[in-house]
Amino acid sequence: MFRAVGSALKRNKEAFNGIVRGFTTTSHHRAFTSKITAATVTSASSSTLAGNSLYGLRSLLKGQNASLFRNMSTVASISSGSKEGLKLLVTGGPHARKWVGIWLFGSAAWVFSMVVLGGVTRLTRSGLSMTDWKFTGEFPPLSDEAWAKEFKKYKQSPEYKRVNKGMNLEDFKFIYWMEYAHRMWGRGLGIMFALPFSFFLRKGYITLRLGVQLSGLFALGAGQGFIGWWMVKSGLEEPPSEYSQPRVSPYRLAAHLTSAFAIYCGLFWTALSVVMPEPPAESLAWVRGAAKVKKLALPVSLIVGITAISGAFVAGNDAGRAFNTFPKMGDTWIPDNIFEMKPLMRNFFENTATVQLDHRLLATTSLIAIGTMWWFTRKLDIHPAVKALIGSTVGMTAVQVTLGVSTLLSYVPVSLGSAHQAGALTLLTLMLLLNHTLRRPSPSLLKSLPQVAKSNFS
């Protein structure tokens, strides 16, 4: 399979080079306009043709912010044979870029739904209901005898003995179907990704660079199934103490969730690069302003990412069901036992009090960092779309913190817990879109830009 992919990518690279050599530079660049939008927590992204090199996404920023995304343009001319020329990820023109973009945004939305479904599976304690795993998958129980057999296997697990002892068959069916749906949804993603990938390869749309990126993401997605079973297997082992509830290893859960986030971010960033090969730029002043914002956006994105990963350890240690008060943790600001484990580093990953305290501090840091970024950039001469994205990121951060506090105070109900996990991925989506919009334009586009924008944005 990999030989075939490599061969196809080589042929596509040769074809693409031939296409690029056919382009000629012009003294005046052509601008095309569009609306830039993206997926919300409850809807998938889709792209529409807006011009020769920039397509719109479905709105991340609705209402008043949506108008700010109008008239964002990108250069259509590509320098022939020059190193300054724009290197597109997809050949075949705007039509090809449109359909490859739709496919990639659809794949990213599917991963988003996988993360949400995984959160629901964990919160309903359904993840340990299937006590075995097959690489090729398997049919669910379809007869009373088959259900009795699966239930008997579950009764041998530590979770049944210590948590669900006395559970009836109907309740078991619910948690089994939840876990089965999660596993099959992941396999469905693999098919949904692989078939269009093969089709676009045959059509010659995918360049060597894009093919390598997508092959890496596909391999990571295939490995996600193994990571998931490696995680579940840890929860099927006897707990170290008779007073401990069986749960999956927080390290393995964090690895599973981080991998899912990485796949989503990779797909979303690649999709943006396909449909928006150039960042929105109307003047050199706006380009210089974007460079200043980027210096703040990159470290802020790192803080947001670390905060999201720390949430995986909160989930892995079931730390959300402890210290269900805010802003204090119980009667104190800092619990006394945050460093009781030896060696010291274990506390940051296994100590319930320390893990929750870390997540609180990181969430607060994220809110302050994003608010600070907004404060220092509010008077900069930057593209209106960048301003809108920063404002929306501040709003989403406030929503996410509110969801987190509400989830804690409500003792982690399934609805709020799932919404909080989806909110983390939505915030990451906004940070990705912001950083992608802040990219430096290609040299060919820079040469064609005036010092000050000529267009007026409403």
Protein backbone atom coordinates (compact mmCIF):
# COMPACT_ATOMS: atom_id res chain seq x y z
CA MET A 1 0.00 0.00 0.00
CA PHE A 2 2.72 2.48 0.97
CA ARG A 3 4.63 1.72 -2.25
CA ALA A 4 1.55 2.50 -4.27
CA VAL A 5 0.99 5.74 -2.36
CA GLY A 6 4.63 6.75 -2.83
CA SER A 7 4.50 6.02 -6.54
CA ALA A 8 1.31 8.01 -6.97
CA LEU A 9 2.70 10.94 -5.05
CA LYS A 10 5.84 11.01 -7.19
CA ARG A 11 3.74 11.10 -10.35
CA ASN A 12 1.63 13.88 -8.86
CA LYS A 13 4.69 15.89 -7.96
CA GLU A 14 5.94 15.73 -11.57
CA ALA A 15 2.54 16.76 -12.85
CA PHE A 16 2.38 19.64 -10.39
CA ASN A 17 5.81 20.91 -11.41
CA GLY A 18 4.63 20.97 -14.99
CA ILE A 19 1.57 22.99 -14.00
CA VAL A 20 3.59 25.50 -11.99
CA ARG A 21 5.97 26.05 -14.93
CA GLY A 22 2.98 27.05 -17.01
CA PHE A 23 2.09 30.00 -14.79
CA THR A 24 3.39 33.50 -15.53
CA THR A 25 3.75 36.44 -13.19
CA THR A 26 1.75 39.62 -13.67
CA SER A 27 2.49 43.18 -12.63
CA HIS A 28 -0.79 43.53 -10.79
CA HIS A 29 -2.15 40.71 -8.61
CA ARG A 30 -5.83 39.73 -8.77
CA ALA A 31 -7.76 39.65 -5.53
CA PHE A 32 -10.65 37.46 -4.75
CA THR A 33 -12.94 37.84 -1.77
CA SER A 34 -14.81 35.52 0.55
CA LYS A 35 -16.27 34.94 3.99
CA ILE A 36 -14.04 33.02 6.37
CA THR A 37 -15.83 30.84 8.84
CA ALA A 38 -15.26 27.56 10.82
CA ALA A 39 -17.01 24.78 12.76
CA THR A 40 -18.72 25.35 16.11
CA VAL A 41 -18.82 22.71 18.88
CA THR A 42 -22.07 21.32 17.56
CA SER A 43 -21.64 21.56 13.76
CA ALA A 44 -19.18 20.26 11.18
CA SER A 45 -17.13 22.54 8.94
CA SER A 46 -17.85 22.83 5.24
CA SER A 47 -16.15 24.89 2.53
CA THR A 48 -17.52 26.82 -0.44
CA LEU A 49 -15.76 28.25 -3.45
CA ALA A 50 -14.98 31.94 -2.98
CA GLY A 51 -12.29 32.63 -5.52
CA ASN A 52 -9.23 31.30 -7.19
CA SER A 53 -7.31 30.58 -4.02
CA LEU A 54 -9.51 31.28 -0.95
CA TYR A 55 -12.58 29.34 0.08
CA GLY A 56 -14.93 30.05 2.96
CA LEU A 57 -15.62 27.85 5.93
CA ARG A 58 -18.89 27.58 7.83
CA SER A 59 -19.06 30.25 10.52
CA LEU A 60 -17.08 30.02 13.73
CA LEU A 61 -18.05 33.59 14.33
CA LYS A 62 -21.70 34.24 13.68
CA GLY A 63 -23.77 37.38 13.90
CA GLN A 64 -21.86 40.66 14.04
CA ASN A 65 -18.45 39.07 13.64
CA ALA A 66 -19.40 37.37 10.38
CA SER A 67 -19.38 40.65 8.45
CA LEU A 68 -15.78 41.24 9.43
CA PHE A 69 -14.75 38.22 7.42
CA ARG A 70 -15.91 39.67 4.13
CA ASN A 71 -13.49 40.81 1.50
CA MET A 72 -10.58 38.72 2.80
CA SER A 73 -8.52 38.15 -0.30
CA THR A 74 -5.58 36.15 -1.47
CA VAL A 75 -3.36 36.40 -4.49
CA ALA A 76 -4.23 34.34 -7.54
CA SER A 77 -1.03 34.70 -9.51
CA ILE A 78 1.84 32.28 -8.93
CA SER A 79 5.42 33.06 -9.83
CA SER A 80 6.64 30.76 -12.58
CA GLY A 81 9.76 28.82 -11.79
CA SER A 82 10.55 31.18 -8.92
CA LYS A 83 11.26 30.20 -5.34
CA GLU A 84 8.94 33.05 -4.38
CA GLY A 85 5.98 31.31 -6.01
CA LEU A 86 3.17 29.99 -3.86
CA LYS A 87 3.38 26.22 -3.43
CA LEU A 88 -0.12 24.79 -3.38
CA LEU A 89 -0.90 21.55 -1.58
CA VAL A 90 -3.48 20.48 -4.16
CA THR A 91 -3.22 20.50 -7.94
CA GLY A 92 -6.15 20.59 -10.34
CA GLY A 93 -7.34 24.15 -9.72
CA PRO A 94 -10.01 25.68 -7.48
CA HIS A 95 -12.47 22.83 -8.01
CA ALA A 96 -9.98 20.25 -6.73
CA ARG A 97 -9.03 22.39 -3.75
CA LYS A 98 -12.69 22.82 -2.89
CA TRP A 99 -13.42 19.08 -2.73
CA VAL A 100 -10.20 18.14 -0.96
CA GLY A 101 -10.95 20.90 1.57
CA ILE A 102 -14.49 19.61 2.15
CA TRP A 103 -13.13 16.11 2.70
CA LEU A 104 -10.48 17.27 5.20
CA PHE A 105 -12.86 19.52 7.13
CA GLY A 106 -15.35 16.65 7.21
CA SER A 107 -12.66 14.33 8.59
CA ALA A 108 -11.73 16.89 11.25
CA ALA A 109 -15.40 17.23 12.23
CA TRP A 110 -15.61 13.44 12.52
CA VAL A 111 -12.63 13.42 14.91
CA PHE A 112 -14.31 16.21 16.88
CA SER A 113 -17.41 14.03 17.26
CA MET A 114 -15.17 11.11 18.28
CA VAL A 115 -13.71 13.18 21.12
CA VAL A 116 -17.18 14.17 22.34
CA LEU A 117 -18.45 10.58 22.08
CA GLY A 118 -15.36 9.38 23.94
CA GLY A 119 -16.11 11.83 26.73
CA VAL A 120 -19.69 10.58 27.01
CA THR A 121 -18.42 6.99 27.05
CA ARG A 122 -16.07 7.78 29.91
CA LEU A 123 -18.61 9.79 31.92
CA THR A 124 -21.22 7.01 31.67
CA ARG A 125 -18.57 4.48 32.76
CA SER A 126 -19.12 2.54 29.54
CA GLY A 127 -15.49 2.20 28.45
CA LEU A 128 -14.79 -1.04 30.34
CA SER A 129 -17.94 -2.86 29.24
CA MET A 130 -16.18 -4.61 26.31
CA THR A 131 -13.51 -6.79 27.85
CA ASP A 132 -11.74 -7.81 24.63
CA TRP A 133 -10.64 -6.17 21.39
CA LYS A 134 -10.16 -7.35 17.82
CA PHE A 135 -8.26 -5.37 15.22
CA THR A 136 -10.81 -6.22 12.52
CA GLY A 137 -13.78 -5.42 14.73
CA GLU A 138 -16.69 -7.71 15.52
CA PHE A 139 -20.45 -7.84 15.32
CA PRO A 140 -22.38 -6.92 18.48
CA PRO A 141 -24.41 -9.55 20.31
CA LEU A 142 -27.55 -10.25 18.29
CA SER A 143 -29.20 -12.96 20.39
CA ASP A 144 -30.07 -13.53 24.01
CA GLU A 145 -27.37 -16.19 24.19
CA ALA A 146 -24.73 -13.82 22.81
CA TRP A 147 -25.73 -11.09 25.26
CA ALA A 148 -25.57 -13.54 28.16
CA LYS A 149 -22.07 -14.54 27.07
CA GLU A 150 -20.85 -10.90 26.93
CA PHE A 151 -22.45 -10.11 30.27
CA LYS A 152 -20.75 -13.12 31.83
CA LYS A 153 -17.36 -11.84 30.65
CA TYR A 154 -18.10 -8.40 32.09
CA LYS A 155 -19.02 -9.95 35.45
CA GLN A 156 -15.44 -11.19 35.74
CA SER A 157 -14.08 -7.62 35.50
CA PRO A 158 -13.06 -5.55 38.54
CA GLU A 159 -15.52 -2.81 37.60
CA TYR A 160 -18.52 -5.10 37.90
CA LYS A 161 -17.30 -6.59 41.17
CA ARG A 162 -16.55 -3.25 42.84
CA VAL A 163 -18.84 -0.72 41.16
CA ASN A 164 -21.69 -2.35 39.24
CA LYS A 165 -22.34 -5.51 41.24
CA GLY A 166 -25.98 -6.45 40.79
CA MET A 167 -26.34 -4.65 37.46
CA ASN A 168 -29.07 -6.15 35.28
CA LEU A 169 -28.74 -7.12 31.63
CA GLU A 170 -30.60 -4.07 30.30
CA ASP A 171 -28.23 -1.66 32.07
CA PHE A 172 -25.27 -3.65 30.74
CA LYS A 173 -26.64 -3.36 27.20
CA PHE A 174 -26.64 0.43 27.51
CA ILE A 175 -22.97 0.75 28.48
CA TYR A 176 -22.00 -1.95 25.97
CA TRP A 177 -23.70 -0.10 23.10
CA MET A 178 -21.98 3.15 24.12
CA GLU A 179 -18.53 1.59 23.95
CA TYR A 180 -19.35 -0.35 20.80
CA ALA A 181 -20.56 2.84 19.07
CA HIS A 182 -17.34 4.62 20.06
CA ARG A 183 -15.16 1.86 18.60
CA MET A 184 -17.19 1.53 15.39
CA TRP A 185 -17.28 5.30 14.91
CA GLY A 186 -13.49 5.25 14.96
CA ARG A 187 -13.34 2.48 12.36
CA GLY A 188 -15.85 4.42 10.26
CA LEU A 189 -13.48 7.39 10.30
CA GLY A 190 -10.73 5.21 8.88
CA ILE A 191 -12.92 4.23 5.92
CA MET A 192 -14.19 7.77 5.44
CA PHE A 193 -10.60 9.02 5.30
CA ALA A 194 -8.98 6.25 3.24
CA LEU A 195 -11.48 6.02 0.34
CA PRO A 196 -11.42 9.73 -0.66
CA PHE A 197 -7.65 9.74 -0.15
CA SER A 198 -7.29 6.94 -2.69
CA PHE A 199 -9.68 8.70 -5.08
CA PHE A 200 -7.84 12.04 -4.92
CA LEU A 201 -4.53 10.25 -5.40
CA ARG A 202 -5.87 8.64 -8.58
CA LYS A 203 -7.13 11.97 -9.81
CA GLY A 204 -3.66 13.45 -9.27
CA TYR A 205 -4.86 16.20 -6.94
CA ILE A 206 -2.59 15.45 -3.99
CA THR A 207 1.00 16.70 -4.06
CA LEU A 208 3.92 14.85 -2.53
CA ARG A 209 4.03 17.20 0.46
CA LEU A 210 0.32 16.83 1.21
CA GLY A 211 0.46 13.08 0.66
CA VAL A 212 3.23 12.69 3.26
CA GLN A 213 1.30 14.80 5.78
CA LEU A 214 -1.92 12.86 5.29
CA SER A 215 -0.15 9.49 5.40
CA GLY A 216 1.31 10.47 8.77
CA LEU A 217 -2.11 11.48 10.10
CA PHE A 218 -3.62 8.24 8.78
CA ALA A 219 -0.92 6.20 10.56
CA LEU A 220 -1.55 8.13 13.78
CA GLY A 221 -5.27 7.48 13.41
CA ALA A 222 -4.67 3.75 12.91
CA GLY A 223 -2.47 3.72 16.00
CA GLN A 224 -5.24 5.41 17.98
CA GLY A 225 -7.15 2.13 18.07
CA PHE A 226 -4.18 0.38 19.68
CA ILE A 227 -3.74 3.24 22.17
CA GLY A 228 -7.43 3.01 23.05
CA TRP A 229 -7.23 -0.71 23.81
CA TRP A 230 -3.95 -0.21 25.72
CA MET A 231 -5.85 2.33 27.83
CA VAL A 232 -8.92 0.12 28.36
CA LYS A 233 -6.75 -2.86 29.30
CA SER A 234 -5.35 -0.95 32.28
CA GLY A 235 -8.88 -0.57 33.65
CA LEU A 236 -9.51 -4.32 33.46
CA GLU A 237 -6.71 -5.04 35.93
CA GLU A 238 -7.27 -5.38 39.66
CA PRO A 239 -6.84 -2.03 41.51
CA PRO A 240 -3.83 -1.78 43.83
CA SER A 241 -6.03 -1.39 46.93
CA GLU A 242 -9.29 -2.96 48.01
CA TYR A 243 -10.63 0.56 48.59
CA SER A 244 -9.76 1.76 45.07
CA GLN A 245 -12.24 1.83 42.24
CA PRO A 246 -11.07 0.32 38.94
CA ARG A 247 -10.23 2.99 36.37
CA VAL A 248 -7.96 3.30 33.39
CA SER A 249 -4.43 4.61 33.84
CA PRO A 250 -4.43 8.44 33.78
CA TYR A 251 -1.21 8.30 31.72
CA ARG A 252 -2.82 6.10 29.08
CA LEU A 253 -6.01 8.16 29.03
CA ALA A 254 -3.93 11.32 28.57
CA ALA A 255 -2.01 9.65 25.73
CA HIS A 256 -5.29 8.60 24.07
CA LEU A 257 -6.88 12.05 24.35
CA THR A 258 -3.71 13.91 23.35
CA SER A 259 -3.38 11.71 20.28
CA ALA A 260 -7.00 12.48 19.31
CA PHE A 261 -6.36 16.21 19.75
CA ALA A 262 -3.20 15.95 17.64
CA ILE A 263 -5.07 14.18 14.82
CA TYR A 264 -7.83 16.79 14.89
CA CYS A 265 -5.40 19.72 14.91
CA GLY A 266 -3.39 18.18 12.07
CA LEU A 267 -6.47 17.66 9.91
CA PHE A 268 -7.91 21.09 10.62
CA TRP A 269 -4.62 22.91 9.96
CA THR A 270 -4.05 20.96 6.74
CA ALA A 271 -7.60 21.72 5.57
CA LEU A 272 -7.04 25.42 6.20
CA SER A 273 -3.78 25.29 4.24
CA VAL A 274 -5.56 23.66 1.29
CA VAL A 275 -8.42 26.16 1.03
CA MET A 276 -6.48 29.21 2.22
CA PRO A 277 -2.94 28.95 0.83
CA GLU A 278 -2.37 32.65 1.55
CA PRO A 279 -3.35 34.47 4.75
CA PRO A 280 -5.70 37.46 4.43
CA ALA A 281 -3.55 40.47 3.60
CA GLU A 282 -4.49 43.84 2.08
CA SER A 283 -1.53 45.93 3.10
CA LEU A 284 1.99 45.75 4.48
CA ALA A 285 0.77 47.54 7.60
CA TRP A 286 -1.62 44.68 8.31
CA VAL A 287 1.14 42.13 7.68
CA ARG A 288 3.39 43.88 10.20
CA GLY A 289 0.52 43.99 12.69
CA ALA A 290 -0.12 40.27 12.22
CA ALA A 291 3.57 39.54 12.94
CA LYS A 292 3.25 41.36 16.28
CA VAL A 293 0.12 39.41 17.20
CA LYS A 294 1.79 36.13 16.28
CA LYS A 295 4.50 36.69 18.90
CA LEU A 296 1.75 36.60 21.51
CA ALA A 297 -0.49 33.99 19.88
CA LEU A 298 2.14 31.23 19.79
CA PRO A 299 2.89 31.13 23.56
CA VAL A 300 -0.80 31.57 24.37
CA SER A 301 -1.60 28.58 22.15
CA LEU A 302 0.98 26.53 24.05
CA ILE A 303 -0.69 27.42 27.37
CA VAL A 304 -4.12 26.47 25.98
CA GLY A 305 -2.73 23.14 24.73
CA ILE A 306 -1.12 22.29 28.08
CA THR A 307 -4.36 23.18 29.87
CA ALA A 308 -6.31 20.79 27.61
CA ILE A 309 -3.85 17.96 28.29
CA SER A 310 -4.04 18.60 32.04
CA GLY A 311 -7.77 18.02 31.73
CA ALA A 312 -7.01 14.47 30.62
CA PHE A 313 -5.30 13.81 33.96
CA VAL A 314 -8.29 15.30 35.77
CA ALA A 315 -10.48 12.80 33.93
CA GLY A 316 -8.05 9.93 34.43
CA ASN A 317 -7.93 10.45 38.19
CA ASP A 318 -11.65 11.24 38.44
CA ALA A 319 -10.50 14.45 40.10
CA GLY A 320 -13.60 16.36 39.05
CA ARG A 321 -15.59 14.55 41.73
CA ALA A 322 -13.35 15.82 44.51
CA PHE A 323 -13.21 19.33 45.99
CA ASN A 324 -16.53 20.35 44.41
CA THR A 325 -16.31 23.95 45.57
CA PHE A 326 -15.03 27.12 43.93
CA PRO A 327 -12.90 29.20 44.17
CA LYS A 328 -11.60 27.40 47.26
CA MET A 329 -10.86 23.69 47.31
CA GLY A 330 -12.95 22.67 50.28
CA ASP A 331 -12.16 25.03 53.15
CA THR A 332 -8.71 26.00 51.90
CA TRP A 333 -7.19 27.59 48.83
CA ILE A 334 -4.51 24.90 48.59
CA PRO A 335 -5.08 21.40 50.05
CA ASP A 336 -2.51 20.13 52.54
CA ASN A 337 -1.84 16.83 50.76
CA ILE A 338 -0.76 18.08 47.35
CA PHE A 339 2.77 16.70 47.77
CA GLU A 340 2.09 13.54 49.77
CA MET A 341 3.20 11.09 47.04
CA LYS A 342 6.79 10.05 46.51
CA PRO A 343 8.60 10.75 44.28
CA LEU A 344 7.41 14.33 44.03
CA MET A 345 6.57 14.25 40.30
CA ARG A 346 3.87 11.59 40.81
CA ASN A 347 1.69 14.19 42.53
CA PHE A 348 1.27 16.20 39.31
CA PHE A 349 -0.15 13.19 37.48
CA GLU A 350 -1.70 10.89 40.13
CA ASN A 351 -2.60 12.98 43.18
CA THR A 352 -6.27 14.00 42.91
CA ALA A 353 -5.80 17.27 44.81
CA THR A 354 -2.68 18.30 42.89
CA VAL A 355 -4.11 17.39 39.49
CA GLN A 356 -7.25 19.46 40.10
CA LEU A 357 -5.26 22.38 41.48
CA ASP A 358 -2.99 22.32 38.42
CA HIS A 359 -5.98 22.36 36.08
CA ARG A 360 -7.55 25.29 37.95
CA LEU A 361 -4.32 27.28 37.79
CA LEU A 362 -3.74 26.49 34.11
CA ALA A 363 -7.32 27.41 33.20
CA THR A 364 -6.94 30.72 35.02
CA THR A 365 -3.61 31.29 33.28
CA SER A 366 -5.21 30.62 29.90
CA LEU A 367 -7.98 33.13 30.62
CA ILE A 368 -5.47 35.78 31.72
CA ALA A 369 -3.13 35.08 28.78
CA ILE A 370 -5.89 35.33 26.17
CA GLY A 371 -7.30 38.45 27.83
CA THR A 372 -3.81 39.99 27.85
CA MET A 373 -3.37 39.18 24.16
CA TRP A 374 -6.65 40.95 23.41
CA TRP A 375 -5.63 43.97 25.52
CA PHE A 376 -2.25 44.48 23.85
CA THR A 377 -3.58 43.98 20.33
CA ARG A 378 -6.81 45.97 20.47
CA LYS A 379 -5.17 49.14 19.10
CA LEU A 380 -2.88 47.46 16.58
CA ASP A 381 -3.41 48.07 12.86
CA ILE A 382 -4.43 44.53 11.93
CA HIS A 383 -6.89 42.81 9.61
CA PRO A 384 -10.49 42.98 10.93
CA ALA A 385 -10.69 39.18 10.73
CA VAL A 386 -7.77 38.88 13.15
CA LYS A 387 -9.46 41.25 15.58
CA ALA A 388 -12.68 39.28 15.32
CA LEU A 389 -10.86 36.01 15.99
CA ILE A 390 -9.11 37.40 19.06
CA GLY A 391 -12.39 38.71 20.44
CA SER A 392 -14.13 35.40 19.80
CA THR A 393 -11.29 33.52 21.47
CA VAL A 394 -11.70 35.67 24.59
CA GLY A 395 -15.43 34.90 24.58
CA MET A 396 -14.89 31.17 24.11
CA THR A 397 -12.34 31.11 26.94
CA ALA A 398 -14.86 32.72 29.28
CA VAL A 399 -17.48 30.16 28.22
CA GLN A 400 -15.02 27.31 28.77
CA VAL A 401 -14.07 28.51 32.25
CA THR A 402 -17.76 28.86 33.11
CA LEU A 403 -18.41 25.33 31.86
CA GLY A 404 -15.51 24.02 33.92
CA VAL A 405 -16.69 25.66 37.13
CA SER A 406 -20.30 24.56 36.51
CA THR A 407 -19.17 20.99 35.86
CA LEU A 408 -17.21 20.96 39.11
CA LEU A 409 -19.98 22.44 41.24
CA SER A 410 -22.55 20.04 39.71
CA TYR A 411 -20.40 16.99 40.47
CA VAL A 412 -19.61 16.29 36.78
CA PRO A 413 -22.93 15.51 35.10
CA VAL A 414 -22.59 13.86 31.70
CA SER A 415 -24.03 16.84 29.81
CA LEU A 416 -21.74 19.48 31.31
CA GLY A 417 -18.70 17.21 31.35
CA SER A 418 -19.11 16.47 27.64
CA ALA A 419 -19.71 20.14 26.84
CA HIS A 420 -16.56 21.10 28.75
CA GLN A 421 -14.46 18.61 26.78
CA ALA A 422 -15.97 19.83 23.51
CA GLY A 423 -15.29 23.40 24.62
CA ALA A 424 -11.61 22.62 25.03
CA LEU A 425 -11.43 21.42 21.43
CA THR A 426 -13.42 24.43 20.23
CA LEU A 427 -10.96 26.76 21.94
CA LEU A 428 -8.07 24.90 20.32
CA THR A 429 -9.86 25.29 16.97
CA LEU A 430 -10.02 29.05 17.42
CA MET A 431 -6.34 29.21 18.34
CA LEU A 432 -5.45 27.16 15.26
CA LEU A 433 -7.50 29.42 13.03
CA LEU A 434 -5.93 32.50 14.58
CA ASN A 435 -2.37 31.22 14.11
CA HIS A 436 -3.13 30.14 10.54
CA THR A 437 -4.54 33.59 9.74
CA LEU A 438 -1.40 35.21 11.19
CA ARG A 439 0.98 33.41 8.80
CA ARG A 440 3.37 35.52 6.75
CA PRO A 441 2.27 35.87 3.11
CA SER A 442 4.45 34.53 0.30
CA PRO A 443 7.10 36.88 -1.13
CA SER A 444 5.13 37.23 -4.37
CA LEU A 445 2.08 38.48 -2.47
CA LEU A 446 4.15 40.78 -0.25
CA LYS A 447 5.62 42.51 -3.31
CA SER A 448 2.16 43.35 -4.60
CA LEU A 449 0.76 44.81 -1.37
CA PRO A 450 0.37 48.57 -0.80
CA GLN A 451 1.60 50.15 2.41
CA VAL A 452 -1.95 50.87 3.62
CA ALA A 453 -5.13 48.94 2.87
CA LYS A 454 -7.30 50.54 0.19
CA SER A 455 -10.46 48.61 1.02
CA ASN A 456 -12.86 49.62 3.74
CA PHE A 457 -14.27 46.86 5.96
CA SER A 458 -17.57 47.11 7.73
